[in-house]
Amino acid sequence: MSWAAKRETKCEEDAAYSQLGLFDVHIPLIYGERREKGLVRLQKEIKESLNEDQKRTLLDSLRFSQIGARQMAIKNAHAKTCKWLLKKSEYLDWFDGAKLGEYHGFL
């Protein structure tokens, strides 16, 4: 769907119709219905074509069971990020207001 959202087609409706094979669905082609209506009909047909097992499989594929662990890893890494910069003499000189004339605010 995100691929088609940016796709430019000669006829507006073809942005929706070009995805029929990708989702293995069929809808009548109604030229003149415009892009938005075609996409709405496509989405409706996709939803109706999925059985409960397929829906469950798709929803399960979106689940990330270790999100808590990932968030903790990011938090721990973030705490250490760029700490080395705070000790560098170039940064300390730049941060020193008395030396502002040397750097004019640029690091």
N, C-alpha and C. Protein backbone atom coordinates (compact mmCIF):
# COMPACT_ATOMS: atom_id res chain seq x y z
N MET A 1 0.83 -1.19 0.00
CA MET A 1 0.00 0.00 0.00
C MET A 1 0.87 1.26 0.00
N SER A 2 1.97 1.25 0.76
CA SER A 2 2.82 2.44 0.81
C SER A 2 3.51 2.67 -0.53
N TRP A 3 3.81 1.58 -1.24
CA TRP A 3 4.39 1.71 -2.57
C TRP A 3 3.41 2.41 -3.50
N ALA A 4 2.15 2.04 -3.44
CA ALA A 4 1.16 2.60 -4.34
C ALA A 4 0.79 4.03 -3.96
N ALA A 5 0.93 4.39 -2.72
CA ALA A 5 0.55 5.74 -2.29
C ALA A 5 1.37 6.80 -3.01
N LYS A 6 2.61 6.46 -3.36
CA LYS A 6 3.49 7.42 -4.03
C LYS A 6 3.55 7.21 -5.54
N ARG A 7 2.87 6.21 -6.01
CA ARG A 7 2.95 5.85 -7.42
C ARG A 7 2.11 6.81 -8.26
N GLU A 8 2.70 7.25 -9.36
CA GLU A 8 1.98 8.10 -10.30
C GLU A 8 1.54 7.23 -11.47
N THR A 9 0.26 7.31 -11.80
CA THR A 9 -0.29 6.53 -12.89
C THR A 9 -1.01 7.44 -13.87
N LYS A 10 -1.18 6.95 -15.07
CA LYS A 10 -1.87 7.74 -16.09
C LYS A 10 -3.32 7.99 -15.68
N CYS A 11 -3.98 6.96 -15.23
CA CYS A 11 -5.34 7.06 -14.71
C CYS A 11 -5.28 6.91 -13.19
N GLU A 12 -5.95 7.77 -12.48
CA GLU A 12 -5.90 7.75 -11.01
C GLU A 12 -6.20 6.38 -10.43
N GLU A 13 -7.21 5.73 -10.98
CA GLU A 13 -7.68 4.46 -10.45
C GLU A 13 -6.63 3.36 -10.52
N ASP A 14 -5.71 3.49 -11.47
CA ASP A 14 -4.69 2.47 -11.65
C ASP A 14 -3.77 2.34 -10.44
N ALA A 15 -3.71 3.36 -9.59
CA ALA A 15 -2.93 3.25 -8.36
C ALA A 15 -3.50 2.15 -7.49
N ALA A 16 -4.80 1.99 -7.49
CA ALA A 16 -5.45 0.91 -6.74
C ALA A 16 -5.42 -0.39 -7.55
N TYR A 17 -5.78 -0.30 -8.83
CA TYR A 17 -5.90 -1.50 -9.65
C TYR A 17 -4.57 -2.22 -9.83
N SER A 18 -3.48 -1.50 -9.76
CA SER A 18 -2.16 -2.11 -9.95
C SER A 18 -1.79 -3.04 -8.80
N GLN A 19 -2.54 -2.99 -7.73
CA GLN A 19 -2.24 -3.83 -6.56
C GLN A 19 -3.08 -5.10 -6.49
N LEU A 20 -4.02 -5.26 -7.39
CA LEU A 20 -4.92 -6.41 -7.33
C LEU A 20 -4.14 -7.73 -7.29
N GLY A 21 -3.17 -7.88 -8.15
CA GLY A 21 -2.39 -9.12 -8.19
C GLY A 21 -1.53 -9.30 -6.96
N LEU A 22 -1.04 -8.21 -6.41
CA LEU A 22 -0.20 -8.31 -5.21
C LEU A 22 -0.97 -8.91 -4.03
N PHE A 23 -2.25 -8.55 -3.94
CA PHE A 23 -3.07 -9.02 -2.82
C PHE A 23 -3.96 -10.20 -3.22
N ASP A 24 -3.83 -10.63 -4.47
CA ASP A 24 -4.60 -11.77 -4.99
C ASP A 24 -6.10 -11.58 -4.77
N VAL A 25 -6.58 -10.40 -5.14
CA VAL A 25 -8.01 -10.11 -5.05
C VAL A 25 -8.49 -9.60 -6.41
N HIS A 26 -9.79 -9.59 -6.57
CA HIS A 26 -10.40 -9.14 -7.82
C HIS A 26 -11.54 -8.17 -7.51
N ILE A 27 -11.53 -7.04 -8.18
CA ILE A 27 -12.64 -6.09 -8.11
C ILE A 27 -12.89 -5.59 -9.52
N PRO A 28 -14.12 -5.21 -9.81
CA PRO A 28 -14.37 -4.65 -11.14
C PRO A 28 -13.61 -3.34 -11.32
N LEU A 29 -13.08 -3.10 -12.50
CA LEU A 29 -12.39 -1.86 -12.80
C LEU A 29 -13.45 -0.83 -13.22
N ILE A 30 -13.53 0.24 -12.47
CA ILE A 30 -14.51 1.28 -12.75
C ILE A 30 -13.77 2.58 -12.99
N TYR A 31 -13.38 2.79 -14.23
CA TYR A 31 -12.65 4.02 -14.54
C TYR A 31 -13.58 5.22 -14.39
N GLY A 32 -13.07 6.22 -13.71
CA GLY A 32 -13.86 7.40 -13.41
C GLY A 32 -14.22 7.48 -11.94
N GLU A 33 -13.97 6.40 -11.18
CA GLU A 33 -14.30 6.41 -9.75
C GLU A 33 -13.28 7.17 -8.92
N ARG A 34 -12.16 7.49 -9.48
CA ARG A 34 -11.08 8.23 -8.84
C ARG A 34 -10.25 7.31 -7.94
N ARG A 35 -9.11 7.79 -7.59
CA ARG A 35 -8.10 7.02 -6.83
C ARG A 35 -8.63 6.58 -5.47
N GLU A 36 -9.18 7.53 -4.70
CA GLU A 36 -9.60 7.24 -3.33
C GLU A 36 -10.65 6.14 -3.27
N LYS A 37 -11.66 6.24 -4.15
CA LYS A 37 -12.72 5.23 -4.15
C LYS A 37 -12.18 3.86 -4.53
N GLY A 38 -11.26 3.84 -5.49
CA GLY A 38 -10.66 2.58 -5.89
C GLY A 38 -9.88 1.95 -4.75
N LEU A 39 -9.14 2.77 -4.00
CA LEU A 39 -8.37 2.25 -2.86
C LEU A 39 -9.29 1.74 -1.75
N VAL A 40 -10.40 2.43 -1.53
CA VAL A 40 -11.36 1.99 -0.51
C VAL A 40 -11.93 0.63 -0.90
N ARG A 41 -12.32 0.48 -2.17
CA ARG A 41 -12.86 -0.80 -2.62
C ARG A 41 -11.81 -1.90 -2.54
N LEU A 42 -10.58 -1.56 -2.87
CA LEU A 42 -9.48 -2.54 -2.79
C LEU A 42 -9.29 -3.00 -1.35
N GLN A 43 -9.21 -2.06 -0.43
CA GLN A 43 -9.01 -2.40 0.98
C GLN A 43 -10.17 -3.26 1.50
N LYS A 44 -11.38 -2.93 1.12
CA LYS A 44 -12.55 -3.71 1.55
C LYS A 44 -12.45 -5.14 1.04
N GLU A 45 -12.07 -5.29 -0.22
CA GLU A 45 -11.95 -6.62 -0.81
C GLU A 45 -10.83 -7.42 -0.14
N ILE A 46 -9.73 -6.76 0.19
CA ILE A 46 -8.63 -7.44 0.88
C ILE A 46 -9.09 -7.95 2.23
N LYS A 47 -9.78 -7.10 2.98
CA LYS A 47 -10.26 -7.51 4.30
C LYS A 47 -11.24 -8.67 4.21
N GLU A 48 -12.13 -8.61 3.23
CA GLU A 48 -13.13 -9.67 3.08
C GLU A 48 -12.53 -10.98 2.58
N SER A 49 -11.40 -10.91 1.88
CA SER A 49 -10.81 -12.11 1.30
C SER A 49 -9.99 -12.91 2.31
N LEU A 50 -9.63 -12.30 3.43
CA LEU A 50 -8.81 -13.00 4.42
C LEU A 50 -9.69 -13.84 5.33
N ASN A 51 -9.27 -15.09 5.57
CA ASN A 51 -9.99 -15.89 6.55
C ASN A 51 -9.41 -15.60 7.94
N GLU A 52 -10.00 -16.14 8.95
CA GLU A 52 -9.58 -15.84 10.32
C GLU A 52 -8.15 -16.25 10.60
N ASP A 53 -7.71 -17.38 10.06
CA ASP A 53 -6.33 -17.83 10.26
C ASP A 53 -5.34 -16.85 9.63
N GLN A 54 -5.67 -16.37 8.44
CA GLN A 54 -4.80 -15.41 7.77
C GLN A 54 -4.73 -14.10 8.55
N LYS A 55 -5.88 -13.66 9.04
CA LYS A 55 -5.92 -12.42 9.84
C LYS A 55 -5.05 -12.57 11.08
N ARG A 56 -5.18 -13.70 11.77
CA ARG A 56 -4.40 -13.95 12.99
C ARG A 56 -2.91 -13.98 12.67
N THR A 57 -2.54 -14.63 11.57
CA THR A 57 -1.13 -14.70 11.17
C THR A 57 -0.57 -13.31 10.89
N LEU A 58 -1.34 -12.49 10.18
CA LEU A 58 -0.89 -11.13 9.89
C LEU A 58 -0.75 -10.31 11.16
N LEU A 59 -1.73 -10.40 12.04
CA LEU A 59 -1.65 -9.65 13.29
C LEU A 59 -0.50 -10.12 14.16
N ASP A 60 -0.30 -11.42 14.22
CA ASP A 60 0.81 -11.97 15.00
C ASP A 60 2.17 -11.53 14.45
N SER A 61 2.25 -11.34 13.14
CA SER A 61 3.52 -10.92 12.55
C SER A 61 3.89 -9.50 12.95
N LEU A 62 2.92 -8.74 13.39
CA LEU A 62 3.19 -7.36 13.83
C LEU A 62 3.61 -7.27 15.28
N ARG A 63 3.43 -8.35 16.01
CA ARG A 63 3.74 -8.36 17.44
C ARG A 63 5.24 -8.49 17.65
N PHE A 64 5.79 -7.72 18.55
CA PHE A 64 7.21 -7.79 18.90
C PHE A 64 7.28 -8.18 20.36
N SER A 65 7.55 -9.44 20.62
CA SER A 65 7.45 -9.98 21.97
C SER A 65 8.51 -9.45 22.93
N GLN A 66 9.62 -8.94 22.43
CA GLN A 66 10.69 -8.51 23.31
C GLN A 66 10.84 -6.99 23.32
N ILE A 67 9.75 -6.26 23.17
CA ILE A 67 9.83 -4.81 23.10
C ILE A 67 10.41 -4.23 24.39
N GLY A 68 10.09 -4.80 25.53
CA GLY A 68 10.62 -4.30 26.80
C GLY A 68 12.14 -4.42 26.85
N ALA A 69 12.66 -5.55 26.38
CA ALA A 69 14.11 -5.75 26.37
C ALA A 69 14.77 -4.78 25.40
N ARG A 70 14.14 -4.54 24.26
CA ARG A 70 14.69 -3.61 23.27
C ARG A 70 14.71 -2.19 23.83
N GLN A 71 13.64 -1.80 24.49
CA GLN A 71 13.59 -0.46 25.08
C GLN A 71 14.66 -0.29 26.16
N MET A 72 14.89 -1.32 26.94
CA MET A 72 15.91 -1.26 27.98
C MET A 72 17.30 -1.15 27.37
N ALA A 73 17.55 -1.91 26.30
CA ALA A 73 18.85 -1.84 25.62
C ALA A 73 19.10 -0.44 25.07
N ILE A 74 18.09 0.15 24.49
CA ILE A 74 18.22 1.51 23.95
C ILE A 74 18.47 2.50 25.09
N LYS A 75 17.73 2.35 26.17
CA LYS A 75 17.89 3.26 27.32
C LYS A 75 19.31 3.17 27.90
N ASN A 76 19.82 1.95 28.04
CA ASN A 76 21.18 1.77 28.57
C ASN A 76 22.22 2.35 27.62
N ALA A 77 22.06 2.13 26.33
CA ALA A 77 23.00 2.67 25.36
C ALA A 77 22.93 4.19 25.32
N HIS A 78 21.73 4.72 25.44
CA HIS A 78 21.55 6.18 25.39
C HIS A 78 22.29 6.86 26.53
N ALA A 79 22.31 6.23 27.68
CA ALA A 79 22.98 6.82 28.84
C ALA A 79 24.48 6.99 28.61
N LYS A 80 25.05 6.14 27.74
CA LYS A 80 26.49 6.19 27.48
C LYS A 80 26.84 6.98 26.21
N THR A 81 25.85 7.31 25.42
CA THR A 81 26.08 7.95 24.14
C THR A 81 26.72 9.31 24.29
N CYS A 82 27.78 9.52 23.58
CA CYS A 82 28.49 10.81 23.46
C CYS A 82 29.04 11.36 24.77
N LYS A 83 29.14 10.55 25.80
CA LYS A 83 29.73 11.04 27.05
C LYS A 83 31.18 11.44 26.84
N TRP A 84 31.85 10.79 25.90
CA TRP A 84 33.24 11.12 25.61
C TRP A 84 33.38 12.58 25.18
N LEU A 85 32.37 13.10 24.50
CA LEU A 85 32.42 14.47 24.02
C LEU A 85 32.51 15.47 25.17
N LEU A 86 31.85 15.17 26.26
CA LEU A 86 31.82 16.09 27.39
C LEU A 86 33.19 16.28 28.04
N LYS A 87 34.12 15.35 27.77
CA LYS A 87 35.45 15.42 28.36
C LYS A 87 36.50 15.95 27.39
N LYS A 88 36.16 16.10 26.13
CA LYS A 88 37.12 16.56 25.12
C LYS A 88 37.46 18.03 25.35
N SER A 89 38.72 18.35 25.20
CA SER A 89 39.17 19.73 25.43
C SER A 89 38.51 20.71 24.46
N GLU A 90 38.28 20.27 23.22
CA GLU A 90 37.62 21.14 22.25
C GLU A 90 36.22 21.54 22.72
N TYR A 91 35.49 20.57 23.28
CA TYR A 91 34.15 20.86 23.78
C TYR A 91 34.22 21.76 25.02
N LEU A 92 35.12 21.45 25.91
CA LEU A 92 35.24 22.25 27.14
C LEU A 92 35.60 23.70 26.81
N ASP A 93 36.49 23.88 25.81
CA ASP A 93 36.82 25.24 25.38
C ASP A 93 35.61 25.92 24.77
N TRP A 94 34.88 25.19 23.94
CA TRP A 94 33.69 25.75 23.28
C TRP A 94 32.63 26.12 24.30
N PHE A 95 32.49 25.29 25.33
CA PHE A 95 31.47 25.50 26.35
C PHE A 95 31.83 26.66 27.29
N ASP A 96 33.11 26.99 27.35
CA ASP A 96 33.59 28.06 28.22
C ASP A 96 33.19 29.41 27.62
N GLY A 97 32.31 30.11 28.29
CA GLY A 97 31.81 31.40 27.81
C GLY A 97 32.90 32.43 27.61
N ALA A 98 33.99 32.35 28.36
CA ALA A 98 35.08 33.30 28.25
C ALA A 98 35.83 33.16 26.92
N LYS A 99 35.70 31.96 26.27
CA LYS A 99 36.39 31.73 25.00
C LYS A 99 35.45 31.85 23.80
N LEU A 100 34.29 32.40 24.00
CA LEU A 100 33.31 32.52 22.94
C LEU A 100 33.86 33.29 21.74
N GLY A 101 34.68 34.27 21.98
CA GLY A 101 35.28 35.06 20.91
C GLY A 101 36.15 34.25 19.98
N GLU A 102 36.73 33.16 20.48
CA GLU A 102 37.56 32.30 19.65
C GLU A 102 36.73 31.45 18.69
N TYR A 103 35.58 30.98 19.17
CA TYR A 103 34.78 30.02 18.41
C TYR A 103 33.52 30.61 17.80
N HIS A 104 33.11 31.75 18.30
CA HIS A 104 31.89 32.43 17.84
C HIS A 104 30.67 31.51 17.89
N GLY A 105 30.65 30.58 18.84
CA GLY A 105 29.51 29.69 19.02
C GLY A 105 29.50 28.44 18.19
N PHE A 106 30.53 28.26 17.34
CA PHE A 106 30.57 27.06 16.49
C PHE A 106 31.49 26.01 17.09
N LEU A 107 31.03 24.81 17.13
CA LEU A 107 31.84 23.69 17.65
C LEU A 107 32.42 22.95 16.47
